[in-house]
Protein backbone atom coordinates (compact mmCIF):
# COMPACT_ATOMS: atom_id res chain seq x y z
CA UNK A 1 -22.13 6.78 -15.72
CA UNK A 2 -25.25 5.98 -13.71
CA UNK A 3 -28.53 7.71 -12.95
CA UNK A 4 -28.21 9.39 -9.58
CA UNK A 5 -30.54 9.38 -6.60
CA UNK A 6 -33.17 7.22 -8.24
CA UNK A 7 -35.74 6.10 -5.70
CA UNK A 8 -36.63 2.41 -5.57
CA UNK A 9 -40.10 1.96 -4.12
CA UNK A 10 -40.75 -1.03 -1.88
CA UNK A 11 -43.92 -2.11 -0.17
CA UNK A 12 -43.18 -0.34 3.11
CA UNK A 13 -39.85 1.49 2.93
CA UNK A 14 -37.83 3.42 0.39
CA UNK A 15 -34.24 2.60 -0.53
CA UNK A 16 -32.44 5.39 -2.36
CA UNK A 17 -29.64 5.19 -4.85
CA UNK A 18 -27.04 7.78 -3.80
CA UNK A 19 -23.94 8.71 -5.76
CA UNK A 20 -21.07 7.64 -3.51
CA UNK A 21 -18.66 10.32 -4.72
CA UNK A 22 -21.24 13.02 -4.03
CA UNK A 23 -21.81 11.65 -0.54
CA UNK A 24 -18.10 11.40 0.26
CA UNK A 25 -17.68 15.03 -0.79
CA UNK A 26 -18.46 15.94 2.84
CA UNK A 27 -15.11 14.37 3.80
CA UNK A 28 -13.12 16.16 1.08
CA UNK A 29 -9.62 17.28 2.14
CA UNK A 30 -9.79 15.30 5.40
CA UNK A 31 -8.21 12.17 6.85
CA UNK A 32 -10.16 9.04 7.85
CA UNK A 33 -9.32 5.68 9.36
CA UNK A 34 -9.67 2.87 6.82
CA UNK A 35 -10.23 -0.84 7.38
CA UNK A 36 -9.37 -3.17 4.51
CA UNK A 37 -9.98 -6.83 5.30
CA UNK A 38 -7.91 -9.62 3.68
CA UNK A 39 -8.98 -10.61 0.21
CA UNK A 40 -7.97 -12.09 -3.13
CA UNK A 41 -6.49 -10.60 -6.29
CA UNK A 42 -9.90 -9.81 -7.73
CA UNK A 43 -10.61 -7.73 -4.63
CA UNK A 44 -7.66 -5.58 -5.65
CA UNK A 45 -9.96 -4.04 -8.26
CA UNK A 46 -12.09 -2.78 -5.37
CA UNK A 47 -9.03 -1.47 -3.54
CA UNK A 48 -7.59 0.41 -6.49
CA UNK A 49 -10.97 1.77 -7.52
CA UNK A 50 -11.52 3.00 -3.97
CA UNK A 51 -8.07 4.62 -3.94
CA UNK A 52 -8.96 6.43 -7.18
CA UNK A 53 -12.21 7.68 -5.64
CA UNK A 54 -10.61 8.88 -2.41
CA UNK A 55 -7.73 10.52 -4.26
CA UNK A 56 -10.17 12.48 -6.44
CA UNK A 57 -11.59 13.99 -3.23
CA UNK A 58 -8.22 14.41 -1.50
CA UNK A 59 -9.32 12.08 1.29
CA UNK A 60 -6.31 10.47 2.95
CA UNK A 61 -6.72 7.16 4.72
CA UNK A 62 -4.93 5.75 7.76
CA UNK A 63 -5.02 1.96 7.59
CA UNK A 64 -6.22 0.29 10.79
CA UNK A 65 -6.86 -3.23 12.01
CA UNK A 66 -8.20 -4.79 15.21
CA UNK A 67 -4.99 -4.04 17.13
CA UNK A 68 -4.52 -0.46 15.82
CA UNK A 69 -5.12 2.73 17.75
CA UNK A 70 -7.69 5.21 16.47
CA UNK A 71 -6.22 8.04 14.37
CA UNK A 72 -9.41 9.79 13.26
CA UNK A 73 -13.02 10.03 14.39
CA UNK A 74 -14.36 8.71 11.07
CA UNK A 75 -13.92 5.12 9.86
CA UNK A 76 -14.37 3.89 6.29
CA UNK A 77 -14.74 0.13 5.74
CA UNK A 78 -13.73 -0.93 2.24
CA UNK A 79 -16.36 -2.45 -0.01
CA UNK A 80 -16.75 -6.05 -1.10
CA UNK A 81 -18.37 -9.27 0.04
CA UNK A 82 -16.87 -9.81 3.48
CA UNK A 83 -19.87 -8.87 5.63
CA UNK A 84 -21.72 -12.14 5.06
CA UNK A 85 -21.96 -15.47 6.89
CA UNK A 86 -18.98 -16.96 5.04
CA UNK A 87 -16.41 -14.46 6.39
CA UNK A 88 -15.89 -12.73 9.74
CA UNK A 89 -13.27 -9.99 9.30
CA UNK A 90 -15.60 -6.98 9.17
CA UNK A 91 -17.84 -8.42 11.86
CA UNK A 92 -14.90 -9.12 14.19
CA UNK A 93 -13.50 -5.63 13.66
CA UNK A 94 -16.80 -3.95 14.53
CA UNK A 95 -17.32 -6.16 17.59
CA UNK A 96 -13.85 -5.27 18.84
CA UNK A 97 -14.31 -1.53 18.34
CA UNK A 98 -18.05 -0.85 18.67
CA UNK A 99 -17.88 2.62 20.24
CA UNK A 100 -14.52 3.86 19.00
CA UNK A 101 -15.69 5.98 16.05
CA UNK A 102 -18.26 8.76 15.93
CA UNK A 103 -18.96 7.97 12.26
CA UNK A 104 -18.68 4.73 10.28
CA UNK A 105 -19.15 4.50 6.50
CA UNK A 106 -19.36 1.02 4.95
CA UNK A 107 -18.47 1.32 1.26
CA UNK A 108 -20.51 -0.68 -1.32
CA UNK A 109 -20.93 -4.14 0.14
CA UNK A 110 -22.93 -7.34 -0.06
CA UNK A 111 -24.49 -7.90 3.38
CA UNK A 112 -26.66 -10.69 4.74
CA UNK A 113 -27.03 -12.86 7.85
CA UNK A 114 -28.35 -12.42 11.37
CA UNK A 115 -24.84 -12.16 12.87
CA UNK A 116 -24.11 -9.17 10.67
CA UNK A 117 -27.36 -7.34 11.39
CA UNK A 118 -26.92 -7.89 15.13
CA UNK A 119 -23.52 -6.19 14.98
CA UNK A 120 -24.87 -3.26 12.96
CA UNK A 121 -27.85 -2.75 15.24
CA UNK A 122 -25.60 -2.71 18.31
CA UNK A 123 -23.33 0.05 16.98
CA UNK A 124 -23.58 3.43 18.69
CA UNK A 125 -21.72 5.23 15.86
CA UNK A 126 -23.41 7.40 13.25
CA UNK A 127 -23.71 4.67 10.59
CA UNK A 128 -23.97 4.96 6.80
CA UNK A 129 -24.04 1.82 4.65
CA UNK A 130 -23.82 1.47 0.87
CA UNK A 131 -25.12 -1.77 -0.65
CA UNK A 132 -23.79 -2.77 -4.05
CA UNK A 133 -26.96 -4.59 -5.09
CA UNK A 134 -30.68 -4.70 -4.31
CA UNK A 135 -30.85 -8.00 -2.42
CA UNK A 136 -28.60 -6.70 0.34
CA UNK A 137 -30.44 -3.38 0.29
CA UNK A 138 -33.73 -5.19 0.87
CA UNK A 139 -32.18 -7.19 3.71
CA UNK A 140 -31.13 -3.98 5.45
CA UNK A 141 -34.49 -2.35 4.77
CA UNK A 142 -36.18 -5.10 6.71
CA UNK A 143 -33.62 -5.54 9.51
CA UNK A 144 -31.62 -2.36 10.18
CA UNK A 145 -32.90 -0.43 13.20
CA UNK A 146 -30.78 2.70 12.89
CA UNK A 147 -28.38 4.42 10.52
CA UNK A 148 -28.79 5.15 6.82
CA UNK A 149 -28.49 2.71 3.94
CA UNK A 150 -28.19 3.47 0.23
CA UNK A 151 -27.62 1.68 -3.06
CA UNK A 152 -24.51 2.32 -5.09
CA UNK A 153 -22.20 0.41 -7.39
CA UNK A 154 -19.13 -1.63 -6.45
CA UNK A 155 -16.01 0.52 -6.16
CA UNK A 156 -14.26 -1.60 -8.80
CA UNK A 157 -16.13 0.56 -11.33
CA UNK A 158 -13.95 3.54 -10.34
CA UNK A 159 -11.09 1.92 -12.26
CA UNK A 160 -10.55 3.13 -15.81
CA UNK A 161 -8.83 0.89 -18.33
CA UNK A 162 -7.85 1.52 -21.92
CA UNK A 163 -9.53 -0.87 -24.31
CA UNK A 164 -7.00 -2.73 -26.42
CA UNK A 165 -7.15 -5.04 -29.45
CA UNK A 166 -9.65 -7.77 -28.79
CA UNK A 167 -7.22 -10.60 -28.04
CA UNK A 168 -7.84 -14.23 -28.91
CA UNK A 169 -9.15 -17.41 -27.36
CA UNK A 170 -11.16 -18.08 -24.23
CA UNK A 171 -10.06 -17.76 -20.61
CA UNK A 172 -11.83 -19.94 -18.05
CA UNK A 173 -11.31 -18.30 -14.66
CA UNK A 174 -13.45 -20.25 -12.19
CA UNK A 175 -12.98 -20.14 -8.45
CA UNK A 176 -11.27 -22.88 -6.45
CA UNK A 177 -12.77 -22.07 -3.05
CA UNK A 178 -16.00 -22.88 -1.22
CA UNK A 179 -18.03 -20.26 -3.12
CA UNK A 180 -17.86 -22.42 -6.24
CA UNK A 181 -20.93 -24.40 -7.26
CA UNK A 182 -19.27 -26.28 -10.13
CA UNK A 183 -19.08 -30.03 -9.80
CA UNK A 184 -16.26 -30.19 -12.34
CA UNK A 185 -13.87 -27.42 -13.32
CA UNK A 186 -13.01 -26.84 -16.97
CA UNK A 187 -9.98 -28.78 -18.12
CA UNK A 188 -8.19 -25.49 -18.74
CA UNK A 189 -8.83 -23.19 -15.76
CA UNK A 190 -6.90 -20.28 -14.28
CA UNK A 191 -8.34 -18.88 -11.07
CA UNK A 192 -6.60 -15.52 -11.34
CA UNK A 193 -8.15 -14.17 -8.16
CA UNK A 194 -6.67 -16.99 -6.11
CA UNK A 195 -3.11 -16.01 -7.02
CA UNK A 196 -2.85 -12.65 -5.33
CA UNK A 197 -4.06 -10.40 -2.56
CA UNK A 198 -6.45 -7.49 -2.14
CA UNK A 199 -3.94 -4.63 -2.45
CA UNK A 200 -1.68 -6.10 -5.11
CA UNK A 201 -0.92 -3.87 -8.15
CA UNK A 202 -3.25 -4.66 -11.03
CA UNK A 203 -0.65 -4.93 -13.82
CA UNK A 204 -0.33 -8.73 -13.74
CA UNK A 205 -4.10 -9.31 -13.58
CA UNK A 206 -4.90 -6.89 -16.39
CA UNK A 207 -2.01 -8.23 -18.44
CA UNK A 208 -3.54 -11.72 -18.43
CA UNK A 209 -7.09 -10.55 -19.15
CA UNK A 210 -5.93 -8.43 -22.08
CA UNK A 211 -4.72 -11.49 -23.97
CA UNK A 212 -8.16 -13.05 -24.42
CA UNK A 213 -11.23 -12.35 -26.50
CA UNK A 214 -13.67 -14.05 -24.12
CA UNK A 215 -13.70 -14.66 -20.38
CA UNK A 216 -15.87 -17.26 -18.61
CA UNK A 217 -15.88 -16.82 -14.83
CA UNK A 218 -17.76 -17.09 -11.56
CA UNK A 219 -15.40 -14.53 -10.02
CA UNK A 220 -17.31 -11.25 -9.83
CA UNK A 221 -14.32 -8.95 -10.13
CA UNK A 222 -12.71 -10.91 -12.93
CA UNK A 223 -16.02 -10.32 -14.72
CA UNK A 224 -16.03 -6.59 -13.89
CA UNK A 225 -12.42 -6.09 -14.95
CA UNK A 226 -12.91 -8.05 -18.18
CA UNK A 227 -16.08 -6.11 -18.96
CA UNK A 228 -14.34 -2.77 -18.48
CA UNK A 229 -11.56 -3.99 -20.80
CA UNK A 230 -14.13 -4.68 -23.52
CA UNK A 231 -13.90 -8.48 -23.49
CA UNK A 232 -16.86 -10.75 -24.18
CA UNK A 233 -17.77 -11.98 -20.71
CA UNK A 234 -19.97 -14.81 -19.46
CA UNK A 235 -20.60 -14.54 -15.72
CA UNK A 236 -21.81 -17.61 -13.83
CA UNK A 237 -23.41 -18.02 -10.38
CA UNK A 238 -21.45 -18.35 -7.16
CA UNK A 239 -22.64 -20.10 -3.99
CA UNK A 240 -25.08 -17.33 -3.04
CA UNK A 241 -26.83 -14.44 -4.77
CA UNK A 242 -23.88 -12.04 -5.12
CA UNK A 243 -22.96 -12.51 -8.79
CA UNK A 244 -26.52 -12.39 -10.11
CA UNK A 245 -27.48 -9.44 -7.93
CA UNK A 246 -24.48 -7.31 -8.95
CA UNK A 247 -25.03 -8.29 -12.57
CA UNK A 248 -28.67 -7.15 -12.39
CA UNK A 249 -27.83 -3.87 -10.67
CA UNK A 250 -24.58 -2.82 -12.37
CA UNK A 251 -23.37 -5.06 -15.18
CA UNK A 252 -26.32 -5.86 -17.41
CA UNK A 253 -26.22 -2.40 -18.99
CA UNK A 254 -22.89 -3.35 -20.62
CA UNK A 255 -23.45 -5.01 -24.03
CA UNK A 256 -20.41 -7.30 -23.76
CA UNK A 257 -21.43 -9.33 -20.68
CA UNK A 258 -24.16 -11.92 -20.12
CA UNK A 259 -25.21 -13.93 -17.08
CA UNK A 260 -25.37 -17.69 -17.67
CA UNK A 261 -26.92 -20.04 -15.11
CA UNK A 262 -24.96 -23.19 -15.97
CA UNK A 263 -21.48 -23.73 -17.38
CA UNK A 264 -20.78 -26.20 -20.17
CA UNK A 265 -17.65 -26.36 -22.33
């Protein structure tokens, strides 16, 4: 789907794009510990995409949390947007267990903030980080003192959906939490991501999206899912750079999605 191992030249360092499936091939037919932080229904697209990827490599995962024992020497941390200043789950986990694992792989993530970089730079584990967009990659280029960091796409793209008849009408699916920048929500709004959790089966979510011809949203994974379903999608900004950065890196190659700076009905 994407060009592999393309080198992105910066002024002083080089950040490489590395195919995640190729990289994870080294763990094929093994078992790893797996940390999945809490999340919303949109995050379930990441979870199910990740499960598809790991299953294709026969990698089995043992779910762990802060209170769990260690089952394997390798830890995978699921991808997403949790390793930023607005959330603390990944940071708290790594602070609690800084020397427990010989290897840690952070799957495609948005990462920023001095608290996060301090945690990463204090880890003694063999560290590999995948960034799902270039802004986070640049942040790590400038701040990370050890470990390896690469660019690769959000694991939600490992889902495959059958495209169905186009549907009808417009779905407004704008967020209700503190990542929203809208002063006023649309009169008709359904924040699908709010009504679920990060490992919930996708049937209900996909069933709703399939009904519509167009989806307007500031929820990144509602946009990704709708795009993969072939809907006409208008993605709007969230509180920080995440939506625009992932659009620029992964979504703008799809002809049925556009990024719009300001919403108006």
